[in-house]
Amino acid sequence: MFLVGNQQHSLDDKNRIRLPAKFREQLGDKYILMPGMNGCIFVYSQDETNKLLSAIQDLDSLDPDRADWIRRIAEYSATVEADSQGRFMLPTDLIQICEIEKNVQIVGAISKAEIWSEKRWLAHRAAQSTTPQAFDELYRKLHKAQEQK
């Protein structure tokens, strides 16, 4: 799976949204929605969900901090299925946590999609440098992390 790019979308009256067709082709029509980092919603496919659950189960749930993280993530996550038109409803809790109003940005993040409030997405992008040197530094960090494995 290799989800890339981003598109602007709007919630309908019932808080439903449709992922871009190129994302639906790879993700299918059943997703798990989770609170993501930086105030977005992570959207995982059924296959990626199984990998994620396996990683979470490997965490030491007797550690109080990890147990709290697992509980909080699970409490605000939801399994959804797209209808015949590819729409699914965003849960109210996630809409509130991520401060989503009407317009959202749907972003590919390689193995998952991310749903951002338009306002939060624009602020997040404005805070990032897009110079060649900034991308070089990102690749250096990635390479260093891979070496440490």
N, C-alpha and C. Protein backbone atom coordinates (compact mmCIF):
# COMPACT_ATOMS: atom_id res chain seq x y z
N MET A 1 0.85 -1.17 0.00
CA MET A 1 0.00 0.00 0.00
C MET A 1 0.90 1.23 0.00
N PHE A 2 0.52 2.21 -0.80
CA PHE A 2 1.34 3.41 -0.92
C PHE A 2 0.42 4.59 -1.18
N LEU A 3 -0.10 5.19 -0.11
CA LEU A 3 -1.04 6.31 -0.23
C LEU A 3 -0.26 7.62 -0.21
N VAL A 4 -0.41 8.42 -1.27
CA VAL A 4 0.28 9.69 -1.36
C VAL A 4 -0.66 10.77 -1.89
N GLY A 5 -0.28 12.01 -1.68
CA GLY A 5 -1.05 13.13 -2.18
C GLY A 5 -2.05 13.62 -1.14
N ASN A 6 -2.78 14.67 -1.50
CA ASN A 6 -3.81 15.19 -0.61
C ASN A 6 -4.90 15.87 -1.41
N GLN A 7 -6.09 15.87 -0.83
CA GLN A 7 -7.25 16.49 -1.48
C GLN A 7 -8.14 17.14 -0.43
N GLN A 8 -8.80 18.20 -0.84
CA GLN A 8 -9.75 18.89 0.03
C GLN A 8 -11.13 18.28 -0.17
N HIS A 9 -11.85 18.08 0.92
CA HIS A 9 -13.21 17.57 0.88
C HIS A 9 -14.04 18.30 1.92
N SER A 10 -15.34 18.09 1.90
CA SER A 10 -16.24 18.69 2.89
C SER A 10 -17.14 17.61 3.48
N LEU A 11 -17.44 17.77 4.76
CA LEU A 11 -18.41 16.89 5.40
C LEU A 11 -19.80 17.26 4.90
N ASP A 12 -20.68 16.27 4.75
CA ASP A 12 -22.05 16.58 4.40
C ASP A 12 -22.85 16.85 5.67
N ASP A 13 -24.15 17.03 5.55
CA ASP A 13 -25.01 17.37 6.69
C ASP A 13 -24.99 16.31 7.80
N LYS A 14 -24.67 15.07 7.43
CA LYS A 14 -24.69 13.96 8.39
C LYS A 14 -23.29 13.60 8.87
N ASN A 15 -22.32 14.50 8.65
CA ASN A 15 -20.92 14.28 9.01
C ASN A 15 -20.30 13.09 8.27
N ARG A 16 -20.75 12.90 7.03
CA ARG A 16 -20.18 11.85 6.20
C ARG A 16 -19.11 12.44 5.30
N ILE A 17 -18.20 11.58 4.94
CA ILE A 17 -17.10 11.98 4.07
C ILE A 17 -16.80 10.83 3.12
N ARG A 18 -16.18 11.13 2.03
CA ARG A 18 -15.79 10.13 1.04
C ARG A 18 -14.28 10.28 0.82
N LEU A 19 -13.56 9.18 0.95
CA LEU A 19 -12.13 9.22 0.65
C LEU A 19 -11.94 9.35 -0.85
N PRO A 20 -10.83 9.94 -1.28
CA PRO A 20 -10.56 10.00 -2.73
C PRO A 20 -10.55 8.59 -3.34
N ALA A 21 -10.99 8.48 -4.58
CA ALA A 21 -11.09 7.18 -5.25
C ALA A 21 -9.76 6.42 -5.22
N LYS A 22 -8.66 7.13 -5.43
CA LYS A 22 -7.36 6.44 -5.45
C LYS A 22 -7.02 5.84 -4.08
N PHE A 23 -7.53 6.45 -3.01
CA PHE A 23 -7.32 5.89 -1.66
C PHE A 23 -8.25 4.70 -1.44
N ARG A 24 -9.50 4.82 -1.87
CA ARG A 24 -10.47 3.73 -1.68
C ARG A 24 -10.02 2.47 -2.40
N GLU A 25 -9.40 2.64 -3.57
CA GLU A 25 -8.90 1.47 -4.31
C GLU A 25 -7.93 0.66 -3.47
N GLN A 26 -7.12 1.34 -2.67
CA GLN A 26 -6.11 0.65 -1.88
C GLN A 26 -6.60 0.28 -0.48
N LEU A 27 -7.46 1.09 0.10
CA LEU A 27 -7.92 0.87 1.47
C LEU A 27 -9.13 -0.05 1.55
N GLY A 28 -9.88 -0.19 0.48
CA GLY A 28 -11.11 -0.98 0.52
C GLY A 28 -12.26 -0.13 1.05
N ASP A 29 -13.24 -0.78 1.70
CA ASP A 29 -14.40 -0.03 2.17
C ASP A 29 -14.68 -0.19 3.67
N LYS A 30 -13.77 -0.85 4.40
CA LYS A 30 -13.88 -0.97 5.86
C LYS A 30 -12.63 -0.36 6.46
N TYR A 31 -12.83 0.54 7.43
CA TYR A 31 -11.71 1.27 8.01
C TYR A 31 -11.81 1.30 9.53
N ILE A 32 -10.67 1.51 10.16
CA ILE A 32 -10.67 1.88 11.56
C ILE A 32 -10.17 3.32 11.62
N LEU A 33 -10.92 4.15 12.33
CA LEU A 33 -10.57 5.55 12.51
C LEU A 33 -10.03 5.71 13.92
N MET A 34 -8.90 6.39 14.03
CA MET A 34 -8.25 6.57 15.33
C MET A 34 -7.80 8.01 15.50
N PRO A 35 -7.75 8.49 16.75
CA PRO A 35 -7.14 9.80 16.96
C PRO A 35 -5.67 9.70 16.52
N GLY A 36 -5.26 10.61 15.67
CA GLY A 36 -3.90 10.57 15.16
C GLY A 36 -3.01 11.60 15.84
N MET A 37 -1.84 11.76 15.31
CA MET A 37 -0.90 12.74 15.85
C MET A 37 -1.19 14.12 15.27
N ASN A 38 -0.83 15.13 15.99
CA ASN A 38 -1.00 16.53 15.58
C ASN A 38 -2.45 16.91 15.32
N GLY A 39 -3.38 16.15 15.88
CA GLY A 39 -4.79 16.53 15.76
C GLY A 39 -5.47 16.07 14.49
N CYS A 40 -5.00 15.00 13.88
CA CYS A 40 -5.69 14.46 12.70
C CYS A 40 -6.35 13.14 13.08
N ILE A 41 -7.09 12.58 12.14
CA ILE A 41 -7.68 11.26 12.30
C ILE A 41 -6.90 10.30 11.40
N PHE A 42 -6.41 9.22 11.98
CA PHE A 42 -5.78 8.17 11.18
C PHE A 42 -6.86 7.27 10.61
N VAL A 43 -6.72 6.89 9.33
CA VAL A 43 -7.64 5.99 8.67
C VAL A 43 -6.84 4.78 8.19
N TYR A 44 -7.09 3.63 8.81
CA TYR A 44 -6.38 2.41 8.46
C TYR A 44 -7.32 1.46 7.73
N SER A 45 -6.77 0.70 6.78
CA SER A 45 -7.53 -0.36 6.11
C SER A 45 -7.64 -1.55 7.05
N GLN A 46 -8.46 -2.51 6.70
CA GLN A 46 -8.60 -3.72 7.50
C GLN A 46 -7.26 -4.43 7.64
N ASP A 47 -6.48 -4.56 6.54
CA ASP A 47 -5.18 -5.22 6.60
C ASP A 47 -4.21 -4.49 7.51
N GLU A 48 -4.13 -3.18 7.38
CA GLU A 48 -3.24 -2.40 8.21
C GLU A 48 -3.70 -2.42 9.67
N THR A 49 -5.00 -2.50 9.88
CA THR A 49 -5.54 -2.57 11.24
C THR A 49 -5.03 -3.82 11.94
N ASN A 50 -4.99 -4.94 11.22
CA ASN A 50 -4.49 -6.17 11.82
C ASN A 50 -3.03 -6.04 12.24
N LYS A 51 -2.21 -5.39 11.43
CA LYS A 51 -0.80 -5.15 11.78
C LYS A 51 -0.72 -4.25 13.01
N LEU A 52 -1.53 -3.21 13.02
CA LEU A 52 -1.53 -2.26 14.13
C LEU A 52 -1.95 -2.94 15.42
N LEU A 53 -3.02 -3.73 15.37
CA LEU A 53 -3.50 -4.44 16.56
C LEU A 53 -2.44 -5.39 17.09
N SER A 54 -1.74 -6.04 16.20
CA SER A 54 -0.67 -6.95 16.62
C SER A 54 0.43 -6.17 17.36
N ALA A 55 0.79 -5.02 16.84
CA ALA A 55 1.81 -4.19 17.50
C ALA A 55 1.32 -3.70 18.86
N ILE A 56 0.06 -3.31 18.95
CA ILE A 56 -0.50 -2.83 20.22
C ILE A 56 -0.55 -3.97 21.23
N GLN A 57 -0.91 -5.16 20.79
CA GLN A 57 -0.98 -6.29 21.70
C GLN A 57 0.39 -6.65 22.25
N ASP A 58 1.43 -6.33 21.50
CA ASP A 58 2.79 -6.62 21.97
C ASP A 58 3.25 -5.64 23.05
N LEU A 59 2.53 -4.53 23.22
CA LEU A 59 2.89 -3.58 24.26
C LEU A 59 2.58 -4.17 25.63
N ASP A 60 3.35 -3.79 26.60
CA ASP A 60 3.14 -4.25 27.98
C ASP A 60 1.95 -3.51 28.57
N SER A 61 0.79 -4.15 28.58
CA SER A 61 -0.41 -3.48 29.06
C SER A 61 -0.45 -3.37 30.59
N LEU A 62 0.54 -3.94 31.27
CA LEU A 62 0.62 -3.79 32.72
C LEU A 62 1.38 -2.53 33.12
N ASP A 63 2.04 -1.91 32.17
CA ASP A 63 2.66 -0.61 32.42
C ASP A 63 1.55 0.42 32.43
N PRO A 64 1.38 1.20 33.51
CA PRO A 64 0.26 2.12 33.62
C PRO A 64 0.17 3.14 32.48
N ASP A 65 1.29 3.67 32.02
CA ASP A 65 1.26 4.64 30.93
C ASP A 65 0.81 4.01 29.62
N ARG A 66 1.31 2.83 29.35
CA ARG A 66 0.91 2.14 28.12
C ARG A 66 -0.54 1.69 28.18
N ALA A 67 -0.95 1.21 29.35
CA ALA A 67 -2.35 0.79 29.50
C ALA A 67 -3.29 1.97 29.29
N ASP A 68 -2.90 3.14 29.81
CA ASP A 68 -3.73 4.34 29.61
C ASP A 68 -3.76 4.72 28.14
N TRP A 69 -2.62 4.66 27.45
CA TRP A 69 -2.58 4.99 26.02
C TRP A 69 -3.48 4.05 25.23
N ILE A 70 -3.38 2.75 25.51
CA ILE A 70 -4.21 1.76 24.80
C ILE A 70 -5.69 2.05 25.05
N ARG A 71 -6.04 2.30 26.28
CA ARG A 71 -7.44 2.56 26.64
C ARG A 71 -7.96 3.81 25.94
N ARG A 72 -7.19 4.89 25.95
CA ARG A 72 -7.63 6.14 25.34
C ARG A 72 -7.77 6.02 23.83
N ILE A 73 -6.81 5.36 23.20
CA ILE A 73 -6.89 5.16 21.75
C ILE A 73 -8.12 4.32 21.41
N ALA A 74 -8.31 3.23 22.13
CA ALA A 74 -9.45 2.35 21.86
C ALA A 74 -10.78 3.05 22.10
N GLU A 75 -10.85 3.86 23.16
CA GLU A 75 -12.10 4.53 23.49
C GLU A 75 -12.57 5.46 22.38
N TYR A 76 -11.65 6.13 21.73
CA TYR A 76 -12.02 7.13 20.72
C TYR A 76 -11.88 6.62 19.28
N SER A 77 -11.58 5.35 19.12
CA SER A 77 -11.47 4.77 17.78
C SER A 77 -12.82 4.20 17.36
N ALA A 78 -12.99 4.01 16.06
CA ALA A 78 -14.24 3.46 15.56
C ALA A 78 -13.98 2.66 14.29
N THR A 79 -14.75 1.62 14.10
CA THR A 79 -14.72 0.86 12.86
C THR A 79 -15.90 1.35 12.02
N VAL A 80 -15.63 1.70 10.77
CA VAL A 80 -16.68 2.19 9.89
C VAL A 80 -16.61 1.45 8.56
N GLU A 81 -17.73 1.46 7.86
CA GLU A 81 -17.79 0.85 6.54
C GLU A 81 -18.42 1.85 5.59
N ALA A 82 -17.79 2.01 4.43
CA ALA A 82 -18.32 2.94 3.43
C ALA A 82 -19.60 2.38 2.83
N ASP A 83 -20.52 3.29 2.50
CA ASP A 83 -21.77 2.87 1.85
C ASP A 83 -21.51 2.68 0.35
N SER A 84 -22.55 2.44 -0.41
CA SER A 84 -22.40 2.16 -1.85
C SER A 84 -21.82 3.34 -2.62
N GLN A 85 -21.90 4.54 -2.04
CA GLN A 85 -21.32 5.72 -2.69
C GLN A 85 -19.95 6.07 -2.13
N GLY A 86 -19.41 5.20 -1.28
CA GLY A 86 -18.08 5.41 -0.72
C GLY A 86 -18.04 6.32 0.49
N ARG A 87 -19.20 6.68 1.04
CA ARG A 87 -19.25 7.61 2.19
C ARG A 87 -19.26 6.84 3.50
N PHE A 88 -18.71 7.46 4.52
CA PHE A 88 -18.80 6.93 5.87
C PHE A 88 -18.89 8.11 6.84
N MET A 89 -19.45 7.85 8.00
CA MET A 89 -19.67 8.91 8.98
C MET A 89 -18.47 9.04 9.91
N LEU A 90 -18.04 10.28 10.15
CA LEU A 90 -17.02 10.54 11.14
C LEU A 90 -17.69 10.60 12.52
N PRO A 91 -17.16 9.88 13.49
CA PRO A 91 -17.75 9.92 14.84
C PRO A 91 -17.61 11.32 15.45
N THR A 92 -18.62 11.71 16.20
CA THR A 92 -18.66 13.03 16.83
C THR A 92 -17.44 13.27 17.71
N ASP A 93 -17.04 12.25 18.49
CA ASP A 93 -15.87 12.42 19.36
C ASP A 93 -14.63 12.81 18.56
N LEU A 94 -14.39 12.14 17.45
CA LEU A 94 -13.21 12.45 16.64
C LEU A 94 -13.33 13.82 15.98
N ILE A 95 -14.53 14.19 15.58
CA ILE A 95 -14.75 15.52 15.00
C ILE A 95 -14.37 16.59 16.03
N GLN A 96 -14.79 16.38 17.27
CA GLN A 96 -14.50 17.35 18.32
C GLN A 96 -13.02 17.36 18.69
N ILE A 97 -12.44 16.20 18.87
CA ILE A 97 -11.02 16.11 19.24
C ILE A 97 -10.15 16.80 18.19
N CYS A 98 -10.48 16.60 16.92
CA CYS A 98 -9.66 17.11 15.82
C CYS A 98 -10.12 18.48 15.32
N GLU A 99 -11.12 19.04 15.99
CA GLU A 99 -11.62 20.38 15.67
C GLU A 99 -12.04 20.52 14.20
N ILE A 100 -12.71 19.50 13.71
CA ILE A 100 -13.18 19.51 12.33
C ILE A 100 -14.49 20.27 12.25
N GLU A 101 -14.58 21.16 11.30
CA GLU A 101 -15.81 21.90 11.08
C GLU A 101 -16.47 21.36 9.81
N LYS A 102 -16.28 21.98 8.70
CA LYS A 102 -16.91 21.54 7.45
C LYS A 102 -15.87 20.99 6.47
N ASN A 103 -14.83 21.78 6.23
CA ASN A 103 -13.82 21.41 5.24
C ASN A 103 -12.68 20.63 5.88
N VAL A 104 -12.27 19.58 5.17
CA VAL A 104 -11.17 18.74 5.65
C VAL A 104 -10.16 18.54 4.53
N GLN A 105 -8.97 18.18 4.93
CA GLN A 105 -7.92 17.81 4.00
C GLN A 105 -7.64 16.33 4.24
N ILE A 106 -7.66 15.53 3.19
CA ILE A 106 -7.37 14.11 3.30
C ILE A 106 -5.99 13.89 2.70
N VAL A 107 -5.09 13.36 3.52
CA VAL A 107 -3.68 13.28 3.16
C VAL A 107 -3.23 11.82 3.17
N GLY A 108 -2.49 11.43 2.14
CA GLY A 108 -1.89 10.11 2.11
C GLY A 108 -0.66 10.08 3.01
N ALA A 109 -0.53 9.03 3.82
CA ALA A 109 0.62 8.88 4.70
C ALA A 109 1.17 7.45 4.56
N ILE A 110 1.41 7.08 3.31
CA ILE A 110 1.97 5.80 2.89
C ILE A 110 1.05 4.61 3.22
N SER A 111 0.98 4.19 4.49
CA SER A 111 0.18 3.00 4.83
C SER A 111 -1.17 3.35 5.44
N LYS A 112 -1.46 4.64 5.55
CA LYS A 112 -2.74 5.07 6.09
C LYS A 112 -3.09 6.41 5.47
N ALA A 113 -4.35 6.80 5.62
CA ALA A 113 -4.78 8.14 5.23
C ALA A 113 -4.94 8.94 6.52
N GLU A 114 -4.88 10.26 6.39
CA GLU A 114 -5.11 11.14 7.52
C GLU A 114 -6.19 12.15 7.12
N ILE A 115 -7.09 12.41 8.05
CA ILE A 115 -8.13 13.42 7.84
C ILE A 115 -7.84 14.57 8.80
N TRP A 116 -7.68 15.76 8.25
CA TRP A 116 -7.33 16.95 9.02
C TRP A 116 -8.43 18.00 8.87
N SER A 117 -8.65 18.77 9.91
CA SER A 117 -9.48 19.96 9.73
C SER A 117 -8.69 20.87 8.81
N GLU A 118 -9.38 21.58 7.95
CA GLU A 118 -8.68 22.46 7.00
C GLU A 118 -7.81 23.48 7.75
N LYS A 119 -8.35 24.05 8.80
CA LYS A 119 -7.62 25.06 9.57
C LYS A 119 -6.34 24.48 10.18
N ARG A 120 -6.46 23.31 10.80
CA ARG A 120 -5.29 22.68 11.42
C ARG A 120 -4.27 22.26 10.37
N TRP A 121 -4.74 21.76 9.21
CA TRP A 121 -3.83 21.34 8.15
C TRP A 121 -3.03 22.53 7.63
N LEU A 122 -3.69 23.64 7.39
CA LEU A 122 -3.00 24.83 6.87
C LEU A 122 -1.96 25.34 7.87
N ALA A 123 -2.30 25.31 9.16
CA ALA A 123 -1.34 25.73 10.18
C ALA A 123 -0.16 24.77 10.25
N HIS A 124 -0.44 23.49 10.16
CA HIS A 124 0.62 22.47 10.19
C HIS A 124 1.58 22.64 9.01
N ARG A 125 1.02 22.85 7.84
CA ARG A 125 1.87 23.04 6.64
C ARG A 125 2.67 24.33 6.71
N ALA A 126 2.05 25.39 7.22
CA ALA A 126 2.75 26.68 7.30
C ALA A 126 3.96 26.60 8.22
N ALA A 127 3.90 25.70 9.20
CA ALA A 127 5.00 25.58 10.16
C ALA A 127 6.15 24.72 9.64
N GLN A 128 5.98 24.12 8.49
CA GLN A 128 7.01 23.23 7.95
C GLN A 128 7.80 23.90 6.83
N SER A 129 9.06 23.60 6.81
CA SER A 129 9.92 24.11 5.74
C SER A 129 9.87 23.13 4.56
N THR A 130 9.81 23.67 3.36
CA THR A 130 9.81 22.82 2.16
C THR A 130 11.05 23.08 1.31
N THR A 131 12.12 23.54 1.94
CA THR A 131 13.36 23.74 1.21
C THR A 131 14.02 22.40 0.93
N PRO A 132 14.89 22.34 -0.06
CA PRO A 132 15.63 21.09 -0.28
C PRO A 132 16.42 20.66 0.96
N GLN A 133 16.96 21.61 1.70
CA GLN A 133 17.72 21.28 2.90
C GLN A 133 16.83 20.64 3.97
N ALA A 134 15.59 21.10 4.07
CA ALA A 134 14.66 20.52 5.04
C ALA A 134 14.34 19.08 4.69
N PHE A 135 14.16 18.79 3.40
CA PHE A 135 13.91 17.41 3.00
C PHE A 135 15.15 16.55 3.19
N ASP A 136 16.33 17.12 2.93
CA ASP A 136 17.58 16.38 3.18
C ASP A 136 17.66 15.97 4.65
N GLU A 137 17.29 16.87 5.55
CA GLU A 137 17.33 16.58 6.99
C GLU A 137 16.31 15.49 7.35
N LEU A 138 15.14 15.52 6.75
CA LEU A 138 14.16 14.46 6.99
C LEU A 138 14.72 13.10 6.58
N TYR A 139 15.37 13.03 5.42
CA TYR A 139 15.95 11.77 4.97
C TYR A 139 17.09 11.33 5.87
N ARG A 140 17.90 12.28 6.38
CA ARG A 140 18.97 11.94 7.31
C ARG A 140 18.39 11.29 8.58
N LYS A 141 17.33 11.88 9.11
CA LYS A 141 16.70 11.34 10.32
C LYS A 141 16.13 9.95 10.05
N LEU A 142 15.51 9.76 8.91
CA LEU A 142 14.96 8.46 8.56
C LEU A 142 16.08 7.42 8.45
N HIS A 143 17.16 7.80 7.78
CA HIS A 143 18.29 6.89 7.62
C HIS A 143 18.88 6.52 8.98
N LYS A 144 19.04 7.51 9.85
CA LYS A 144 19.59 7.27 11.18
C LYS A 144 18.69 6.33 11.99
N ALA A 145 17.39 6.53 11.90
CA ALA A 145 16.43 5.67 12.61
C ALA A 145 16.52 4.24 12.08
N GLN A 146 16.69 4.08 10.78
CA GLN A 146 16.80 2.73 10.18
C GLN A 146 18.09 2.04 10.65
N GLU A 147 19.17 2.81 10.75
CA GLU A 147 20.44 2.24 11.19
C GLU A 147 20.35 1.74 12.62
N GLN A 148 19.55 2.37 13.45
CA GLN A 148 19.45 2.02 14.86
C GLN A 148 18.60 0.77 15.10
N LYS A 149 17.91 0.30 14.09
CA LYS A 149 17.07 -0.91 14.25
C LYS A 149 17.91 -2.16 14.29
